[in-house]
PDB file of N, CA and C in Angstrom:
ATOM      1  N   ASP A   1       1.960 -15.551 -12.139  1.00  0.00           N
ATOM      2  CA  ASP A   1       2.384 -14.442 -11.414  1.00  0.00           C
ATOM      3  C   ASP A   1       1.577 -14.804  -9.747  1.00  0.00           C
ATOM      4  N   TYR A   2       2.474 -14.114  -8.949  1.00  0.00           N
ATOM      5  CA  TYR A   2       1.758 -13.923  -7.547  1.00  0.00           C
ATOM      6  C   TYR A   2       1.846 -12.523  -7.051  1.00  0.00           C
ATOM      7  N   TYR A   3       0.944 -11.859  -6.452  1.00  0.00           N
ATOM      8  CA  TYR A   3       0.825 -10.637  -5.835  1.00  0.00           C
ATOM      9  C   TYR A   3       0.395 -10.883  -4.566  1.00  0.00           C
ATOM     10  N   ILE A   4       1.200 -10.493  -3.637  1.00  0.00           N
ATOM     11  CA  ILE A   4       0.775 -10.323  -1.971  1.00  0.00           C
ATOM     12  C   ILE A   4       0.652  -9.143  -1.653  1.00  0.00           C
ATOM     13  N   ALA A   5      -0.389  -8.840  -0.724  1.00  0.00           N
ATOM     14  CA  ALA A   5      -0.717  -7.669  -0.183  1.00  0.00           C
ATOM     15  C   ALA A   5      -0.474  -7.921   1.296  1.00  0.00           C
ATOM     16  N   ALA A   6       0.494  -7.638   1.954  1.00  0.00           N
ATOM     17  CA  ALA A   6       0.608  -7.997   3.450  1.00  0.00           C
ATOM     18  C   ALA A   6       1.257  -6.980   4.335  1.00  0.00           C
ATOM     19  N   GLY A   7       1.207  -7.286   5.702  1.00  0.00           N
ATOM     20  CA  GLY A   7       1.892  -6.484   6.489  1.00  0.00           C
ATOM     21  C   GLY A   7       1.156  -5.227   7.139  1.00  0.00           C
ATOM     22  N   PHE A   8      -0.195  -5.453   7.335  1.00  0.00           N
ATOM     23  CA  PHE A   8      -0.984  -4.513   7.879  1.00  0.00           C
ATOM     24  C   PHE A   8      -1.241  -4.448   9.419  1.00  0.00           C
ATOM     25  N   SER A   9      -0.462  -5.331  10.069  1.00  0.00           N
ATOM     26  CA  SER A   9      -0.586  -5.431  11.439  1.00  0.00           C
ATOM     27  C   SER A   9      -2.060  -5.570  11.707  1.00  0.00           C
ATOM     28  N   GLY A  10      -2.596  -4.844  12.557  1.00  0.00           N
ATOM     29  CA  GLY A  10      -4.253  -5.118  13.058  1.00  0.00           C
ATOM     30  C   GLY A  10      -5.138  -4.383  12.186  1.00  0.00           C
ATOM     31  N   HIS A  11      -4.952  -3.404  11.134  1.00  0.00           N
ATOM     32  CA  HIS A  11      -5.549  -2.497  10.616  1.00  0.00           C
ATOM     33  C   HIS A  11      -5.768  -3.283   9.112  1.00  0.00           C
ATOM     34  N   GLY A  12      -5.405  -4.526   8.708  1.00  0.00           N
ATOM     35  CA  GLY A  12      -5.800  -5.101   7.677  1.00  0.00           C
ATOM     36  C   GLY A  12      -7.354  -4.956   7.114  1.00  0.00           C
ATOM     37  N   PHE A  13      -8.219  -5.201   8.377  1.00  0.00           N
ATOM     38  CA  PHE A  13      -9.701  -5.456   7.912  1.00  0.00           C
ATOM     39  C   PHE A  13     -10.161  -3.995   7.389  1.00  0.00           C
ATOM     40  N   MET A  14      -9.474  -2.971   8.048  1.00  0.00           N
ATOM     41  CA  MET A  14      -9.940  -1.557   7.748  1.00  0.00           C
ATOM     42  C   MET A  14      -9.375  -0.982   6.407  1.00  0.00           C
ATOM     43  N   MET A  15      -8.130  -1.727   6.028  1.00  0.00           N
ATOM     44  CA  MET A  15      -7.504  -0.960   4.813  1.00  0.00           C
ATOM     45  C   MET A  15      -7.776  -2.126   3.520  1.00  0.00           C
ATOM     46  N   ALA A  16      -8.390  -3.471   3.712  1.00  0.00           N
ATOM     47  CA  ALA A  16      -8.642  -4.264   2.762  1.00  0.00           C
ATOM     48  C   ALA A  16      -9.277  -3.607   1.504  1.00  0.00           C
ATOM     49  N   PRO A  17     -10.340  -2.928   1.627  1.00  0.00           N
ATOM     50  CA  PRO A  17     -10.985  -2.517   0.444  1.00  0.00           C
ATOM     51  C   PRO A  17     -10.277  -1.728  -0.437  1.00  0.00           C
ATOM     52  N   ALA A  18      -9.576  -0.658   0.305  1.00  0.00           N
ATOM     53  CA  ALA A  18      -8.519   0.021  -0.611  1.00  0.00           C
ATOM     54  C   ALA A  18      -7.407  -0.611  -1.205  1.00  0.00           C
ATOM     55  N   VAL A  19      -6.833  -1.461  -0.288  1.00  0.00           N
ATOM     56  CA  VAL A  19      -5.777  -2.381  -0.909  1.00  0.00           C
ATOM     57  C   VAL A  19      -6.249  -3.105  -2.250  1.00  0.00           C
ATOM     58  N   ALA A  20      -7.405  -3.834  -1.666  1.00  0.00           N
ATOM     59  CA  ALA A  20      -7.741  -4.697  -2.906  1.00  0.00           C
ATOM     60  C   ALA A  20      -8.287  -3.731  -4.356  1.00  0.00           C
ATOM     61  N   GLU A  21      -8.394  -2.842  -4.096  1.00  0.00           N
ATOM     62  CA  GLU A  21      -8.805  -1.680  -5.178  1.00  0.00           C
ATOM     63  C   GLU A  21      -7.214  -1.344  -5.969  1.00  0.00           C
ATOM     64  N   MET A  22      -6.430  -1.014  -5.139  1.00  0.00           N
ATOM     65  CA  MET A  22      -5.095  -0.688  -5.633  1.00  0.00           C
ATOM     66  C   MET A  22      -4.549  -1.866  -6.444  1.00  0.00           C
ATOM     67  N   VAL A  23      -4.398  -2.942  -5.721  1.00  0.00           N
ATOM     68  CA  VAL A  23      -3.691  -4.209  -6.316  1.00  0.00           C
ATOM     69  C   VAL A  23      -4.670  -4.707  -7.615  1.00  0.00           C
ATOM     70  N   ALA A  24      -5.670  -4.725  -7.589  1.00  0.00           N
ATOM     71  CA  ALA A  24      -6.586  -4.971  -9.029  1.00  0.00           C
ATOM     72  C   ALA A  24      -6.544  -4.063  -9.992  1.00  0.00           C
ATOM     73  N   ASP A  25      -6.227  -2.744  -9.585  1.00  0.00           N
ATOM     74  CA  ASP A  25      -5.803  -1.788 -10.671  1.00  0.00           C
ATOM     75  C   ASP A  25      -4.391  -2.098 -11.036  1.00  0.00           C
ATOM     76  N   LEU A  26      -3.278  -2.261 -10.223  1.00  0.00           N
ATOM     77  CA  LEU A  26      -1.960  -2.457 -10.663  1.00  0.00           C
ATOM     78  C   LEU A  26      -1.735  -3.750 -11.487  1.00  0.00           C
ATOM     79  N   VAL A  27      -2.780  -4.833 -11.158  1.00  0.00           N
ATOM     80  CA  VAL A  27      -2.590  -5.902 -11.996  1.00  0.00           C
ATOM     81  C   VAL A  27      -3.164  -5.913 -13.212  1.00  0.00           C
ATOM     82  N   THR A  28      -4.372  -5.380 -13.249  1.00  0.00           N
ATOM     83  CA  THR A  28      -5.078  -5.340 -14.651  1.00  0.00           C
ATOM     84  C   THR A  28      -4.691  -4.176 -15.508  1.00  0.00           C
ATOM     85  N   LYS A  29      -4.431  -3.171 -15.103  1.00  0.00           N
ATOM     86  CA  LYS A  29      -3.958  -1.905 -15.798  1.00  0.00           C
ATOM     87  C   LYS A  29      -2.575  -1.412 -15.784  1.00  0.00           C
ATOM     88  N   GLY A  30      -2.013  -1.938 -14.852  1.00  0.00           N
ATOM     89  CA  GLY A  30      -0.382  -1.523 -14.748  1.00  0.00           C
ATOM     90  C   GLY A  30      -0.141  -0.238 -13.964  1.00  0.00           C
ATOM     91  N   ARG A  31      -1.366   0.225 -13.693  1.00  0.00           N
ATOM     92  CA  ARG A  31      -1.273   1.775 -12.990  1.00  0.00           C
ATOM     93  C   ARG A  31      -2.519   1.672 -12.073  1.00  0.00           C
ATOM     94  N   THR A  32      -2.667   2.671 -11.176  1.00  0.00           N
ATOM     95  CA  THR A  32      -3.755   3.038 -10.239  1.00  0.00           C
ATOM     96  C   THR A  32      -3.877   4.610  -9.859  1.00  0.00           C
ATOM     97  N   ASP A  33      -5.061   5.187  -9.682  1.00  0.00           N
ATOM     98  CA  ASP A  33      -5.348   6.413  -9.289  1.00  0.00           C
ATOM     99  C   ASP A  33      -4.785   6.717  -7.949  1.00  0.00           C
ATOM    100  N   LEU A  34      -4.846   5.732  -7.240  1.00  0.00           N
ATOM    101  CA  LEU A  34      -4.756   5.874  -5.673  1.00  0.00           C
ATOM    102  C   LEU A  34      -3.267   6.185  -5.267  1.00  0.00           C
ATOM    103  N   PRO A  35      -2.989   6.831  -4.294  1.00  0.00           N
ATOM    104  CA  PRO A  35      -1.765   7.231  -3.810  1.00  0.00           C
ATOM    105  C   PRO A  35      -0.864   6.038  -3.420  1.00  0.00           C
ATOM    106  N   VAL A  36      -0.014   5.560  -4.151  1.00  0.00           N
ATOM    107  CA  VAL A  36       0.871   4.343  -3.658  1.00  0.00           C
ATOM    108  C   VAL A  36       2.148   4.538  -3.462  1.00  0.00           C
ATOM    109  N   ASP A  37       2.715   5.648  -3.494  1.00  0.00           N
ATOM    110  CA  ASP A  37       4.041   6.015  -3.251  1.00  0.00           C
ATOM    111  C   ASP A  37       4.480   5.579  -1.857  1.00  0.00           C
ATOM    112  N   TRP A  38       3.492   5.739  -0.801  1.00  0.00           N
ATOM    113  CA  TRP A  38       4.013   5.317   0.388  1.00  0.00           C
ATOM    114  C   TRP A  38       4.145   3.741   0.630  1.00  0.00           C
ATOM    115  N   TYR A  39       3.738   3.044  -0.318  1.00  0.00           N
ATOM    116  CA  TYR A  39       3.999   1.563  -0.337  1.00  0.00           C
ATOM    117  C   TYR A  39       5.264   1.036  -1.275  1.00  0.00           C
ATOM    118  N   ASP A  40       5.935   1.890  -1.811  1.00  0.00           N
ATOM    119  CA  ASP A  40       7.160   1.546  -2.642  1.00  0.00           C
ATOM    120  C   ASP A  40       8.351   1.023  -1.786  1.00  0.00           C
ATOM    121  N   PRO A  41       8.551  -0.242  -1.872  1.00  0.00           N
ATOM    122  CA  PRO A  41       9.534  -0.763  -0.955  1.00  0.00           C
ATOM    123  C   PRO A  41      11.124  -0.050  -1.325  1.00  0.00           C
ATOM    124  N   TYR A  42      11.163   0.521  -2.319  1.00  0.00           N
ATOM    125  CA  TYR A  42      12.401   1.262  -2.742  1.00  0.00           C
ATOM    126  C   TYR A  42      12.366   2.375  -2.090  1.00  0.00           C
ATOM    127  N   ARG A  43      11.516   2.978  -1.396  1.00  0.00           N
ATOM    128  CA  ARG A  43      11.585   4.365  -0.525  1.00  0.00           C
ATOM    129  C   ARG A  43      12.700   4.264   0.350  1.00  0.00           C
ATOM    130  N   PHE A  44      12.906   3.066   0.946  1.00  0.00           N
ATOM    131  CA  PHE A  44      13.921   3.231   2.028  1.00  0.00           C
ATOM    132  C   PHE A  44      15.408   3.416   1.364  1.00  0.00           C
ATOM    133  N   GLU A  45      15.585   2.713   0.403  1.00  0.00           N
ATOM    134  CA  GLU A  45      16.958   2.833  -0.468  1.00  0.00           C
ATOM    135  C   GLU A  45      17.015   4.366  -0.565  1.00  0.00           C
ATOM    136  N   ARG A  46      16.123   5.126  -1.279  1.00  0.00           N
ATOM    137  CA  ARG A  46      15.944   6.415  -1.422  1.00  0.00           C
ATOM    138  C   ARG A  46      16.121   7.438  -0.379  1.00  0.00           C
ATOM    139  N   GLY A  47      16.028   7.061   0.844  1.00  0.00           N
ATOM    140  CA  GLY A  47      15.874   7.678   2.058  1.00  0.00           C
ATOM    141  C   GLY A  47      14.677   8.606   2.459  1.00  0.00           C
ATOM    142  N   GLU A  48      13.527   7.981   1.755  1.00  0.00           N
ATOM    143  CA  GLU A  48      12.318   8.867   2.018  1.00  0.00           C
ATOM    144  C   GLU A  48      11.546   8.075   3.106  1.00  0.00           C
ATOM    145  N   LEU A  49      12.125   8.188   4.163  1.00  0.00           N
ATOM    146  CA  LEU A  49      11.360   7.808   5.501  1.00  0.00           C
ATOM    147  C   LEU A  49      10.171   8.789   5.919  1.00  0.00           C
ATOM    148  N   ARG A  50       9.135   8.254   6.315  1.00  0.00           N
ATOM    149  CA  ARG A  50       7.841   9.048   6.591  1.00  0.00           C
ATOM    150  C   ARG A  50       7.431   8.791   8.037  1.00  0.00           C
ATOM    151  N   GLY A  51       7.246   9.548   8.689  1.00  0.00           N
ATOM    152  CA  GLY A  51       6.488   9.428  10.095  1.00  0.00           C
ATOM    153  C   GLY A  51       5.286   8.819  10.016  1.00  0.00           C
ATOM    154  N   GLN A  52       4.444   8.792  11.076  1.00  0.00           N
ATOM    155  CA  GLN A  52       3.125   8.251  11.099  1.00  0.00           C
ATOM    156  C   GLN A  52       2.309   9.246  10.807  1.00  0.00           C
ATOM    157  N   ALA A  53       1.210   8.819   9.712  1.00  0.00           N
ATOM    158  CA  ALA A  53       0.507  10.007   9.379  1.00  0.00           C
ATOM    159  C   ALA A  53      -1.066   9.930  10.092  1.00  0.00           C
ATOM    160  N   LEU A  54      -1.349   8.942  10.686  1.00  0.00           N
ATOM    161  CA  LEU A  54      -2.634   8.675  11.128  1.00  0.00           C
ATOM    162  C   LEU A  54      -2.290   7.675  12.403  1.00  0.00           C
ATOM    163  N   GLN A  55      -3.202   7.977  13.631  1.00  0.00           N
ATOM    164  CA  GLN A  55      -2.942   6.921  14.651  1.00  0.00           C
ATOM    165  C   GLN A  55      -4.443   6.668  15.087  1.00  0.00           C
ATOM    166  N   MET A  56      -4.612   5.413  15.389  1.00  0.00           N
ATOM    167  CA  MET A  56      -5.892   4.958  15.713  1.00  0.00           C
ATOM    168  C   MET A  56      -5.836   4.578  17.129  1.00  0.00           C
ATOM    169  N   GLY A  57      -6.990   4.660  17.764  1.00  0.00           N
ATOM    170  CA  GLY A  57      -7.169   4.310  19.124  1.00  0.00           C
ATOM    171  C   GLY A  57      -6.404   4.882  20.382  1.00  0.00           C
TER     172      GLY A  57
END
């Protein structure tokens, strides 16, 4: 199996610790306590488009 966490633009360094914890939880336990609904690729099909929650810089 392969797991890819990508597409963070220039914010990958800042987000890497949380994403690593989230992916490790999902791979080892099949679930995570972190809020992952924003990363669900099927949110677009459901029409769950969201605006920008945080702006850096």
